[in-house]
Structure formats: C-alpha cells, structure tokens
Amino acid sequence: MRNMSTSLPTLAPLAGLDPDLQRSLLAQVRDLWTHGSTALEGNTLTLGETKFVIEEGLTVSGKPLKDHEEVVGHARAIELLYGLLDDWPARPVTAAQLFELHRAVQTRVVIDMYKPIVGWKIEPNGTYAMTEEGRQTFIDYAAPSNVPELMDTWLAELNRLGVEPLDEAAALSAYARLHLGFVHIHPFWDGNGRMARLLANLPVLRAGHLPVVIDVRERKRYIDTLASYQLAVGPLTPGMGVWPRPELETAFIALCREAYAATQALIDGAREQQAARRARADSGAGRP
C-alpha cells in the first residue's frame, strides 16, 4: 500500500496532469474515500492518520488495531475496484466479485457460520432508528431468502449503468440509486455501508469521473436520509423490486451531489498545482 499502482485508471480529471500529479490526486482521493467511509462506521483514525497508516504501513499509538485494519482493507478494496474497470462492462460484474471485494473490506477474522464472508447473509438484520417525529423504531432489511434475487436485480442495474455515457449529473444520480438499493437490501452480515460506497462508484469511475465521497461531517444527515427512505418503502421483496419508490430518492440524490464538492476540490487543487508548475516553466524558459 505504500505506492500507488503504476497502472492508472483512465479518468477525465487526470487528463493534462503530469504523472506525479495524477498519482498524487489518486492518493488523495483514496485517503479521503477511505477515511470518510470508515469514519462513517465509527473508525477513529483522522484523515492524516489514515494516510500515514496506508502509506507507511505503521500503526498510530493509542488507536485500535481494528481501525488500522479497516483502512488498509478499504484502500486495498479501492485497488480491486479499479481492477474491475479493466474488463467492465464487457464482462459483467458478478456476485463472486462482490464476495472478493467484501473479503478485502471485512478484515476481521470471524469464525462463525452465521457470519459468512464469501456469501450473502443467512440471518435477518436491521437497525434501530428514529423517525422524523422522534419516535423510536426498527428498520428491517431484506430477508435472507430474498437476497439472491434482489441482488441479481441490483447487479443487472449496475451492469446496465456501466454501458451508459454518463455526464457528471447522471453519474451522481447513478451512484445515489445504486447506493440506496444496496444498503436497503443489506446483503451481507456486516460491511454493507462500505461496500455500497465502493460499488456505487463503479459507473462513476467507468464514465471517467472521480468517486463520490460522503463526508463524515454529514454522518447524521446521511443516516437520517437513508432511514427515512427505508422506513417509507419498507423491507424489500422480489415482487417490489429494488427501487419501488423512485420519487423518494430525491433527498439522497441531493446529498450525494453536494458531497461531490469534496472530490471537486481535490481536482481543482491538482489543476492549480499543474498550472503553477507550467507558469514556472514558462517563466524560466523566457529568461536569457
């Protein structure tokens, strides 16, 4: 993890940047993406500590071992995600590839037949939530018996979006749709949020854009928006499909579009660095 892959993905924001600035931008995105996604789940490492752990392979004193494992696993998962782009969408993404990505994300070794790593969940899962009226409630995710069929539908939509020529607005809408559907199914016993925030970015990357990153400072809004949607729709079944109420997706799409400002800021910073470098070179070339 100390060095970025020498094979860089083909992404529009990298065009016109020197190779070292391309690698730097991808490293910044990787660190921000990893920090944001793991911090949303309670990881205590700061952005700077996340960068240190990934690049140096060392631990931060006083921080839990699991937090270090999570960021290293997530950074590895990003590399696997970039690797999927090599053959996609010519070769559709499969459930088996999702299981391998889940293996990278789910770094904790758990010897429990009811908590599979290479497979869908086999026990019901859900989460405690608060309604907009302040009432305590429980959100049930899709029943284990319904997961294979629902995930077939989800994967079909993912692979369909992979062949679409998505501009930035369409890419962000695709991200929101896939993200919503995945976390509503909740197909794994753990790691669903991190998996959703990785996989939903595949069409974004395929279309040549850098990924959407949800800022940890938006954690409450993020959780509340997802909970409101899931409570309104109810547990998914194959008969309902994965996205039965598209009119309710608006709030989450808006959140994702606002979140993209963080990615755009990194792109702008890289372009400013490139412009400054060229200005210095031009200035030097004009000297006698």
Protein backbone atom coordinates (compact mmCIF):
# COMPACT_ATOMS: atom_id res chain seq x y z
CA MET A 1 0.00 0.00 0.00
CA ARG A 2 2.98 2.32 0.15
CA ASN A 3 2.96 3.09 -3.58
CA MET A 4 0.14 3.82 -5.99
CA SER A 5 -0.27 1.31 -8.78
CA THR A 6 1.83 2.18 -11.86
CA SER A 7 -1.26 1.40 -14.00
CA LEU A 8 -3.51 4.40 -13.52
CA PRO A 9 -7.23 4.31 -14.36
CA THR A 10 -8.39 6.42 -17.31
CA LEU A 11 -10.31 9.26 -15.71
CA ALA A 12 -11.10 12.65 -17.23
CA PRO A 13 -9.81 14.72 -14.26
CA LEU A 14 -6.35 13.16 -14.70
CA ALA A 15 -6.02 14.44 -18.26
CA GLY A 16 -3.44 17.19 -18.63
CA LEU A 17 -1.76 16.44 -15.30
CA ASP A 18 1.85 15.31 -15.04
CA PRO A 19 2.17 11.64 -13.96
CA ASP A 20 3.28 12.53 -10.44
CA LEU A 21 0.30 14.86 -10.01
CA GLN A 22 -2.01 12.14 -11.32
CA ARG A 23 -0.68 9.70 -8.73
CA SER A 24 -0.90 12.35 -6.02
CA LEU A 25 -4.53 13.13 -6.88
CA LEU A 26 -5.48 9.45 -6.83
CA ALA A 27 -3.71 9.01 -3.49
CA GLN A 28 -5.59 11.98 -2.03
CA VAL A 29 -8.88 10.57 -3.31
CA ARG A 30 -8.01 7.13 -1.90
CA ASP A 31 -7.23 8.57 1.52
CA LEU A 32 -10.32 10.82 1.63
CA TRP A 33 -12.54 7.98 0.39
CA THR A 34 -11.11 5.51 2.89
CA HIS A 35 -11.26 7.93 5.80
CA GLY A 36 -14.79 9.08 5.02
CA SER A 37 -16.23 5.61 4.50
CA THR A 38 -14.62 4.03 7.56
CA ALA A 39 -15.26 7.06 9.79
CA LEU A 40 -18.97 6.86 8.95
CA GLU A 41 -18.84 3.43 10.60
CA GLY A 42 -17.05 4.70 13.71
CA ASN A 43 -13.39 4.42 12.77
CA THR A 44 -11.36 6.81 14.95
CA LEU A 45 -8.38 7.48 12.67
CA THR A 46 -8.11 11.03 11.34
CA LEU A 47 -7.54 11.75 7.66
CA GLY A 48 -3.84 12.36 8.34
CA GLU A 49 -3.56 9.14 10.34
CA THR A 50 -5.36 7.25 7.59
CA LYS A 51 -2.78 8.49 5.07
CA PHE A 52 0.07 7.53 7.42
CA VAL A 53 -1.22 4.00 8.00
CA ILE A 54 -1.87 3.31 4.31
CA GLU A 55 1.40 4.76 3.02
CA GLU A 56 3.79 3.79 5.79
CA GLY A 57 2.23 0.53 6.96
CA LEU A 58 2.71 1.58 10.59
CA THR A 59 0.29 1.91 13.48
CA VAL A 60 -0.79 5.02 15.37
CA SER A 61 -0.26 4.85 19.12
CA GLY A 62 -3.44 4.63 21.14
CA LYS A 63 -5.70 3.73 18.23
CA PRO A 64 -7.46 0.33 17.99
CA LEU A 65 -5.90 -2.34 15.79
CA LYS A 66 -9.24 -2.88 14.03
CA ASP A 67 -9.24 0.75 12.89
CA HIS A 68 -5.87 0.22 11.21
CA GLU A 69 -7.07 -2.99 9.59
CA GLU A 70 -10.21 -1.29 8.29
CA VAL A 71 -8.38 1.50 6.47
CA VAL A 72 -5.81 -0.86 4.96
CA GLY A 73 -8.62 -3.18 3.86
CA HIS A 74 -10.60 -0.32 2.33
CA ALA A 75 -7.57 1.01 0.46
CA ARG A 76 -6.99 -2.49 -0.89
CA ALA A 77 -10.65 -2.68 -1.92
CA ILE A 78 -10.25 0.54 -3.93
CA GLU A 79 -7.41 -1.08 -5.87
CA LEU A 80 -9.64 -4.10 -6.55
CA LEU A 81 -12.41 -1.77 -7.69
CA TYR A 82 -10.08 -0.06 -10.16
CA GLY A 83 -9.12 -3.53 -11.35
CA LEU A 84 -12.75 -4.35 -12.15
CA LEU A 85 -12.77 -1.47 -14.63
CA ASP A 86 -10.28 -3.31 -16.87
CA ASP A 87 -12.91 -5.76 -18.17
CA TRP A 88 -16.16 -3.98 -17.28
CA PRO A 89 -18.74 -3.64 -18.71
CA ALA A 90 -17.67 -6.08 -21.45
CA ARG A 91 -17.58 -8.72 -18.71
CA PRO A 92 -20.43 -8.04 -16.27
CA VAL A 93 -19.69 -7.72 -12.55
CA THR A 94 -20.78 -10.89 -10.75
CA ALA A 95 -21.73 -11.87 -7.21
CA ALA A 96 -18.41 -13.73 -6.92
CA GLN A 97 -16.52 -10.47 -7.49
CA LEU A 98 -18.63 -8.77 -4.83
CA PHE A 99 -17.67 -11.53 -2.41
CA GLU A 100 -13.97 -10.94 -3.09
CA LEU A 101 -14.40 -7.21 -2.53
CA HIS A 102 -16.24 -7.98 0.71
CA ARG A 103 -13.30 -10.15 1.80
CA ALA A 104 -11.00 -7.13 1.44
CA VAL A 105 -13.38 -4.80 3.30
CA GLN A 106 -14.24 -7.24 6.08
CA THR A 107 -10.77 -7.53 7.57
CA ARG A 108 -11.79 -9.03 10.91
CA VAL A 109 -11.43 -12.81 11.01
CA VAL A 110 -14.69 -14.21 12.36
CA ILE A 111 -15.12 -17.97 12.69
CA ASP A 112 -18.88 -18.11 12.62
CA MET A 113 -21.05 -19.96 10.11
CA TYR A 114 -23.73 -17.31 10.56
CA LYS A 115 -21.35 -14.52 9.50
CA PRO A 116 -20.11 -15.57 6.05
CA ILE A 117 -17.50 -13.52 4.20
CA VAL A 118 -17.80 -15.24 0.81
CA GLY A 119 -21.57 -15.31 0.63
CA TRP A 120 -24.80 -13.44 1.34
CA LYS A 121 -26.16 -13.10 4.86
CA ILE A 122 -28.02 -16.07 6.29
CA GLU A 123 -29.63 -14.35 9.26
CA PRO A 124 -32.05 -11.36 9.29
CA ASN A 125 -30.54 -7.97 10.01
CA GLY A 126 -31.81 -4.49 10.70
CA THR A 127 -31.06 -1.31 12.59
CA TYR A 128 -32.56 0.86 15.29
CA ALA A 129 -33.61 4.30 14.06
CA MET A 130 -35.56 7.43 14.94
CA THR A 131 -38.43 8.70 12.84
CA GLU A 132 -38.74 12.38 11.86
CA GLU A 133 -41.31 12.69 14.66
CA GLY A 134 -38.76 11.45 17.20
CA ARG A 135 -40.33 8.00 17.58
CA GLN A 136 -38.06 5.01 18.17
CA THR A 137 -38.40 2.33 15.52
CA PHE A 138 -36.60 -0.58 13.87
CA ILE A 139 -35.71 -0.93 10.20
CA ASP A 140 -35.81 -4.46 8.83
CA TYR A 141 -33.64 -5.09 5.79
CA ALA A 142 -34.43 -7.67 3.11
CA ALA A 143 -34.96 -11.22 4.35
CA PRO A 144 -32.01 -13.56 3.67
CA SER A 145 -34.16 -15.74 1.42
CA ASN A 146 -34.87 -12.73 -0.82
CA VAL A 147 -31.29 -11.50 -1.09
CA PRO A 148 -30.09 -13.61 -4.08
CA GLU A 149 -32.95 -12.48 -6.32
CA LEU A 150 -32.77 -8.87 -5.18
CA MET A 151 -29.02 -8.78 -5.72
CA ASP A 152 -29.47 -10.23 -9.22
CA THR A 153 -31.69 -7.22 -9.93
CA TRP A 154 -29.17 -4.85 -8.33
CA LEU A 155 -26.28 -6.32 -10.33
CA ALA A 156 -28.28 -6.08 -13.55
CA GLU A 157 -28.79 -2.35 -12.91
CA LEU A 158 -25.12 -1.88 -12.06
CA ASN A 159 -24.06 -3.55 -15.29
CA ARG A 160 -26.64 -1.59 -17.29
CA LEU A 161 -25.32 1.69 -15.94
CA GLY A 162 -21.80 0.61 -16.85
CA VAL A 163 -22.56 0.98 -20.56
CA GLU A 164 -24.31 4.34 -20.23
CA PRO A 165 -22.41 7.52 -21.29
CA LEU A 166 -22.93 9.34 -18.00
CA ASP A 167 -22.17 13.02 -17.62
CA GLU A 168 -21.37 14.21 -14.09
CA ALA A 169 -25.01 14.80 -13.07
CA ALA A 170 -26.14 11.42 -14.43
CA ALA A 171 -23.17 9.70 -12.78
CA LEU A 172 -24.08 11.15 -9.39
CA SER A 173 -27.70 10.05 -9.82
CA ALA A 174 -26.50 6.55 -10.74
CA TYR A 175 -24.32 6.49 -7.63
CA ALA A 176 -27.23 7.51 -5.41
CA ARG A 177 -29.55 4.91 -6.94
CA LEU A 178 -27.10 2.03 -6.54
CA HIS A 179 -26.13 3.14 -3.05
CA LEU A 180 -29.75 3.34 -1.91
CA GLY A 181 -30.60 -0.04 -3.34
CA PHE A 182 -27.59 -1.83 -1.89
CA VAL A 183 -27.94 -0.59 1.69
CA HIS A 184 -31.69 -1.22 1.58
CA ILE A 185 -31.08 -4.87 0.68
CA HIS A 186 -28.17 -5.10 3.16
CA PRO A 187 -26.98 -8.37 1.61
CA PHE A 188 -24.04 -9.02 3.95
CA TRP A 189 -23.99 -9.57 7.69
CA ASP A 190 -21.54 -6.66 8.03
CA GLY A 191 -19.69 -4.14 5.87
CA ASN A 192 -22.72 -3.13 3.80
CA GLY A 193 -22.15 0.63 4.05
CA ARG A 194 -18.53 0.42 2.98
CA MET A 195 -19.44 -1.95 0.14
CA ALA A 196 -22.22 0.35 -1.06
CA ARG A 197 -19.93 3.39 -1.05
CA LEU A 198 -17.38 1.44 -3.09
CA LEU A 199 -19.59 -0.36 -5.59
CA ALA A 200 -21.94 2.53 -6.32
CA ASN A 201 -18.90 4.41 -7.63
CA LEU A 202 -18.22 1.88 -10.39
CA PRO A 203 -20.40 3.63 -13.01
CA VAL A 204 -18.98 6.97 -11.87
CA LEU A 205 -15.44 5.73 -12.50
CA ARG A 206 -16.39 3.91 -15.70
CA ALA A 207 -17.78 7.19 -17.08
CA GLY A 208 -14.41 8.84 -16.37
CA HIS A 209 -15.22 10.74 -13.17
CA LEU A 210 -13.54 10.57 -9.78
CA PRO A 211 -15.59 8.94 -6.98
CA VAL A 212 -18.29 10.34 -4.75
CA VAL A 213 -17.12 10.56 -1.13
CA ILE A 214 -19.56 11.07 1.74
CA ASP A 215 -18.04 13.43 4.32
CA VAL A 216 -18.13 12.10 7.89
CA ARG A 217 -19.37 15.54 8.98
CA GLU A 218 -22.59 14.69 7.13
CA ARG A 219 -22.98 11.44 9.07
CA LYS A 220 -26.27 12.33 10.80
CA ARG A 221 -27.86 13.69 7.63
CA TYR A 222 -26.62 10.63 5.73
CA ILE A 223 -28.04 8.17 8.26
CA ASP A 224 -31.30 10.08 8.68
CA THR A 225 -31.84 10.35 4.91
CA LEU A 226 -31.30 6.64 4.40
CA ALA A 227 -33.52 5.77 7.38
CA SER A 228 -36.37 8.00 6.18
CA TYR A 229 -36.27 6.36 2.76
CA GLN A 230 -36.11 2.81 4.15
CA LEU A 231 -38.96 3.41 6.60
CA ALA A 232 -41.14 4.87 3.88
CA VAL A 233 -40.51 1.98 1.49
CA GLY A 234 -40.40 -0.91 3.98
CA PRO A 235 -38.46 -4.20 3.65
CA LEU A 236 -37.72 -5.10 0.05
CA THR A 237 -39.06 -8.22 -1.63
CA PRO A 238 -38.50 -9.55 -5.17
CA GLY A 239 -42.07 -8.61 -6.01
CA MET A 240 -41.41 -4.97 -5.09
CA GLY A 241 -38.08 -4.78 -6.84
CA VAL A 242 -35.09 -2.87 -5.50
CA TRP A 243 -36.32 0.67 -6.26
CA PRO A 244 -40.12 0.65 -5.81
CA ARG A 245 -40.46 4.36 -4.93
CA PRO A 246 -38.17 6.45 -7.19
CA GLU A 247 -39.97 9.65 -6.14
CA LEU A 248 -38.46 9.19 -2.66
CA GLU A 249 -34.87 9.10 -3.91
CA THR A 250 -34.60 12.88 -4.35
CA ALA A 251 -33.23 13.75 -0.90
CA PHE A 252 -30.43 11.21 -1.14
CA ILE A 253 -29.52 12.27 -4.67
CA ALA A 254 -29.21 15.86 -3.40
CA LEU A 255 -26.92 14.74 -0.57
CA CYS A 256 -24.66 12.87 -3.00
CA ARG A 257 -24.45 15.84 -5.35
CA GLU A 258 -23.44 18.13 -2.50
CA ALA A 259 -20.90 15.57 -1.31
CA TYR A 260 -19.14 15.70 -4.67
CA ALA A 261 -17.78 19.13 -3.78
CA ALA A 262 -15.04 17.42 -1.74
CA THR A 263 -13.88 15.44 -4.77
CA GLN A 264 -14.09 18.53 -6.97
CA ALA A 265 -11.93 20.47 -4.51
CA LEU A 266 -9.16 17.87 -4.89
CA ILE A 267 -9.44 18.06 -8.68
CA ASP A 268 -9.26 21.86 -8.57
CA GLY A 269 -6.21 21.71 -6.31
CA ALA A 270 -4.38 19.36 -8.70
CA ARG A 271 -5.17 21.58 -11.67
CA GLU A 272 -3.95 24.66 -9.81
CA GLN A 273 -0.71 22.84 -9.00
CA GLN A 274 -0.28 21.89 -12.65
CA ALA A 275 -0.97 25.46 -13.78
CA ALA A 276 1.56 26.83 -11.29
CA ARG A 277 4.15 24.31 -12.45
CA ARG A 278 3.64 25.32 -16.08
CA ALA A 279 3.78 29.00 -15.21
CA ARG A 280 7.15 28.49 -13.51
CA ALA A 281 8.42 26.54 -16.51
CA ASP A 282 7.28 29.25 -18.93
CA SER A 283 8.85 31.93 -16.79
CA GLY A 284 12.14 30.07 -16.69
CA ALA A 285 12.07 29.47 -20.46
CA GLY A 286 11.79 33.20 -21.06
CA ARG A 287 14.96 34.07 -19.16
CA PRO A 288 18.10 34.98 -21.13
